[in-house]
Amino acid sequence: MSMTCSEAAALVRAKGGIVLSTSATTYDRYVSAANFCAGGEVLKNAWVPTRDTPQCFIGYTCFTPSRDDWVP
């Protein structure tokens, strides 16, 4: 949360995948593209708080969809 929105987004783009703390007790892995996810995982937009923006789009998280995640 000490980075600006543009700094956090640039770090994800530069590294491809990073683990980022979003509070004193939470963290997650953020990626720039699907090729940084494991097989069978899909992308989900990631919005995190940064120093200058309460909802900053920094890239994506990877997740394994369940049957309920697919809309017919």
N, C-alpha and C. Protein backbone atom coordinates (compact mmCIF):
# COMPACT_ATOMS: atom_id res chain seq x y z
N MET A 1 0.81 -1.19 0.00
CA MET A 1 0.00 0.00 0.00
C MET A 1 0.85 1.26 0.00
N SER A 2 2.17 1.11 0.03
CA SER A 2 3.04 2.29 0.00
C SER A 2 3.34 2.75 -1.43
N MET A 3 3.00 1.92 -2.42
CA MET A 3 3.23 2.29 -3.81
C MET A 3 2.03 3.05 -4.38
N THR A 4 2.30 3.84 -5.42
CA THR A 4 1.20 4.47 -6.15
C THR A 4 0.57 3.42 -7.07
N CYS A 5 -0.58 3.76 -7.61
CA CYS A 5 -1.26 2.85 -8.53
C CYS A 5 -0.37 2.54 -9.73
N SER A 6 0.20 3.56 -10.33
CA SER A 6 1.03 3.33 -11.51
C SER A 6 2.29 2.52 -11.18
N GLU A 7 2.87 2.71 -10.00
CA GLU A 7 4.04 1.92 -9.60
C GLU A 7 3.68 0.45 -9.42
N ALA A 8 2.56 0.17 -8.77
CA ALA A 8 2.14 -1.22 -8.55
C ALA A 8 1.81 -1.92 -9.86
N ALA A 9 1.08 -1.24 -10.74
CA ALA A 9 0.73 -1.83 -12.03
C ALA A 9 1.98 -2.06 -12.88
N ALA A 10 2.93 -1.12 -12.85
CA ALA A 10 4.17 -1.27 -13.61
C ALA A 10 5.00 -2.44 -13.08
N LEU A 11 5.00 -2.66 -11.79
CA LEU A 11 5.75 -3.78 -11.20
C LEU A 11 5.18 -5.12 -11.67
N VAL A 12 3.85 -5.24 -11.69
CA VAL A 12 3.22 -6.47 -12.18
C VAL A 12 3.57 -6.68 -13.65
N ARG A 13 3.47 -5.64 -14.46
CA ARG A 13 3.81 -5.77 -15.89
C ARG A 13 5.28 -6.15 -16.09
N ALA A 14 6.16 -5.54 -15.33
CA ALA A 14 7.60 -5.79 -15.49
C ALA A 14 8.00 -7.20 -15.07
N LYS A 15 7.45 -7.70 -13.98
CA LYS A 15 7.83 -9.00 -13.44
C LYS A 15 6.99 -10.14 -13.99
N GLY A 16 5.78 -9.84 -14.47
CA GLY A 16 4.88 -10.88 -14.96
C GLY A 16 4.01 -11.46 -13.87
N GLY A 17 4.57 -11.68 -12.70
CA GLY A 17 3.83 -12.20 -11.56
C GLY A 17 4.53 -11.81 -10.27
N ILE A 18 3.77 -11.32 -9.31
CA ILE A 18 4.35 -10.90 -8.02
C ILE A 18 3.40 -11.30 -6.89
N VAL A 19 3.93 -11.40 -5.70
CA VAL A 19 3.12 -11.54 -4.49
C VAL A 19 3.13 -10.17 -3.83
N LEU A 20 1.94 -9.64 -3.57
CA LEU A 20 1.81 -8.28 -3.06
C LEU A 20 0.95 -8.27 -1.81
N SER A 21 1.43 -7.60 -0.78
CA SER A 21 0.64 -7.40 0.44
C SER A 21 -0.34 -6.27 0.20
N THR A 22 -1.61 -6.50 0.56
CA THR A 22 -2.62 -5.46 0.38
C THR A 22 -3.13 -4.92 1.71
N SER A 23 -2.64 -5.47 2.81
CA SER A 23 -2.93 -4.95 4.15
C SER A 23 -1.94 -5.62 5.10
N ALA A 24 -2.09 -5.35 6.38
CA ALA A 24 -1.17 -5.94 7.36
C ALA A 24 -1.30 -7.46 7.44
N THR A 25 -2.44 -8.00 7.03
CA THR A 25 -2.67 -9.44 7.19
C THR A 25 -3.05 -10.17 5.90
N THR A 26 -3.09 -9.49 4.75
CA THR A 26 -3.49 -10.16 3.52
C THR A 26 -2.47 -9.93 2.41
N TYR A 27 -2.40 -10.91 1.52
CA TYR A 27 -1.54 -10.82 0.35
C TYR A 27 -2.12 -11.73 -0.71
N ASP A 28 -1.70 -11.53 -1.95
CA ASP A 28 -2.13 -12.39 -3.04
C ASP A 28 -1.09 -12.31 -4.15
N ARG A 29 -1.23 -13.19 -5.10
CA ARG A 29 -0.34 -13.20 -6.27
C ARG A 29 -1.07 -12.51 -7.41
N TYR A 30 -0.39 -11.58 -8.05
CA TYR A 30 -0.96 -10.82 -9.16
C TYR A 30 -0.11 -11.04 -10.40
N VAL A 31 -0.77 -11.19 -11.54
CA VAL A 31 -0.07 -11.50 -12.78
C VAL A 31 -0.48 -10.52 -13.87
N SER A 32 0.35 -10.47 -14.93
CA SER A 32 0.06 -9.57 -16.04
C SER A 32 -0.65 -10.27 -17.20
N ALA A 33 -0.59 -11.60 -17.24
CA ALA A 33 -1.18 -12.34 -18.36
C ALA A 33 -1.43 -13.80 -17.95
N ALA A 34 -2.25 -14.48 -18.75
CA ALA A 34 -2.64 -15.86 -18.45
C ALA A 34 -1.46 -16.83 -18.46
N ASN A 35 -0.40 -16.52 -19.20
CA ASN A 35 0.73 -17.44 -19.25
C ASN A 35 1.48 -17.51 -17.92
N PHE A 36 1.15 -16.65 -16.96
CA PHE A 36 1.74 -16.72 -15.63
C PHE A 36 0.86 -17.53 -14.66
N CYS A 37 -0.24 -18.09 -15.17
CA CYS A 37 -1.12 -18.94 -14.37
C CYS A 37 -0.80 -20.40 -14.65
N ALA A 38 -1.22 -21.28 -13.74
CA ALA A 38 -1.06 -22.71 -13.94
C ALA A 38 -2.10 -23.21 -14.95
N GLY A 39 -1.87 -24.37 -15.50
CA GLY A 39 -2.81 -24.96 -16.45
C GLY A 39 -4.19 -25.10 -15.84
N GLY A 40 -5.20 -24.72 -16.57
CA GLY A 40 -6.58 -24.81 -16.09
C GLY A 40 -7.05 -23.59 -15.33
N GLU A 41 -6.14 -22.69 -14.99
CA GLU A 41 -6.53 -21.47 -14.29
C GLU A 41 -6.90 -20.39 -15.30
N VAL A 42 -7.75 -19.48 -14.89
CA VAL A 42 -8.15 -18.36 -15.73
C VAL A 42 -7.90 -17.06 -14.98
N LEU A 43 -7.97 -15.95 -15.71
CA LEU A 43 -7.70 -14.65 -15.12
C LEU A 43 -8.95 -14.02 -14.52
N LYS A 44 -8.72 -13.27 -13.46
CA LYS A 44 -9.77 -12.46 -12.84
C LYS A 44 -9.17 -11.08 -12.58
N ASN A 45 -9.87 -10.02 -12.97
CA ASN A 45 -9.37 -8.66 -12.75
C ASN A 45 -9.04 -8.45 -11.28
N ALA A 46 -7.93 -7.76 -11.03
CA ALA A 46 -7.48 -7.50 -9.66
C ALA A 46 -7.44 -6.00 -9.39
N TRP A 47 -8.15 -5.60 -8.37
CA TRP A 47 -8.21 -4.22 -7.92
C TRP A 47 -7.73 -4.19 -6.49
N VAL A 48 -6.73 -3.35 -6.19
CA VAL A 48 -6.17 -3.27 -4.84
C VAL A 48 -6.04 -1.82 -4.40
N PRO A 49 -6.01 -1.59 -3.09
CA PRO A 49 -5.76 -0.22 -2.61
C PRO A 49 -4.28 0.13 -2.75
N THR A 50 -3.99 1.33 -3.19
CA THR A 50 -2.63 1.83 -3.26
C THR A 50 -2.56 3.17 -2.55
N ARG A 51 -1.38 3.72 -2.47
CA ARG A 51 -1.19 4.97 -1.75
C ARG A 51 -2.10 6.08 -2.28
N ASP A 52 -2.31 6.13 -3.59
CA ASP A 52 -3.06 7.23 -4.18
C ASP A 52 -4.44 6.86 -4.72
N THR A 53 -4.79 5.57 -4.69
CA THR A 53 -6.06 5.13 -5.28
C THR A 53 -6.66 4.01 -4.44
N PRO A 54 -7.91 4.16 -3.98
CA PRO A 54 -8.51 3.09 -3.17
C PRO A 54 -8.83 1.82 -3.97
N GLN A 55 -9.02 1.93 -5.28
CA GLN A 55 -9.33 0.77 -6.13
C GLN A 55 -8.49 0.87 -7.40
N CYS A 56 -7.29 0.34 -7.36
CA CYS A 56 -6.35 0.41 -8.48
C CYS A 56 -6.32 -0.92 -9.23
N PHE A 57 -6.54 -0.88 -10.55
CA PHE A 57 -6.40 -2.09 -11.37
C PHE A 57 -4.91 -2.31 -11.61
N ILE A 58 -4.38 -3.43 -11.08
CA ILE A 58 -2.95 -3.70 -11.24
C ILE A 58 -2.66 -4.89 -12.13
N GLY A 59 -3.68 -5.61 -12.54
CA GLY A 59 -3.49 -6.80 -13.36
C GLY A 59 -4.55 -7.81 -13.02
N TYR A 60 -4.11 -9.04 -12.79
CA TYR A 60 -5.06 -10.15 -12.62
C TYR A 60 -4.61 -11.08 -11.50
N THR A 61 -5.54 -11.87 -11.00
CA THR A 61 -5.22 -13.02 -10.18
C THR A 61 -5.61 -14.26 -10.99
N CYS A 62 -5.00 -15.38 -10.67
CA CYS A 62 -5.31 -16.65 -11.33
C CYS A 62 -6.24 -17.44 -10.42
N PHE A 63 -7.23 -18.09 -11.00
CA PHE A 63 -8.06 -18.98 -10.20
C PHE A 63 -8.56 -20.13 -11.04
N THR A 64 -8.88 -21.22 -10.38
CA THR A 64 -9.44 -22.39 -11.04
C THR A 64 -10.95 -22.28 -10.99
N PRO A 65 -11.58 -22.12 -12.14
CA PRO A 65 -13.03 -21.95 -12.13
C PRO A 65 -13.75 -23.25 -11.79
N SER A 66 -14.87 -23.10 -11.12
CA SER A 66 -15.74 -24.25 -10.87
C SER A 66 -16.85 -24.25 -11.90
N ARG A 67 -17.62 -25.27 -11.91
CA ARG A 67 -18.75 -25.37 -12.84
C ARG A 67 -19.68 -24.17 -12.67
N ASP A 68 -19.83 -23.68 -11.44
CA ASP A 68 -20.73 -22.56 -11.16
C ASP A 68 -20.21 -21.23 -11.71
N ASP A 69 -18.92 -21.15 -12.03
CA ASP A 69 -18.35 -19.90 -12.55
C ASP A 69 -18.65 -19.67 -14.03
N TRP A 70 -19.07 -20.71 -14.74
CA TRP A 70 -19.32 -20.59 -16.18
C TRP A 70 -20.80 -20.29 -16.41
N VAL A 71 -21.05 -19.24 -17.16
CA VAL A 71 -22.41 -18.85 -17.48
C VAL A 71 -22.76 -19.43 -18.85
N PRO A 72 -23.89 -20.16 -18.95
CA PRO A 72 -24.24 -20.78 -20.25
C PRO A 72 -24.59 -19.76 -21.30
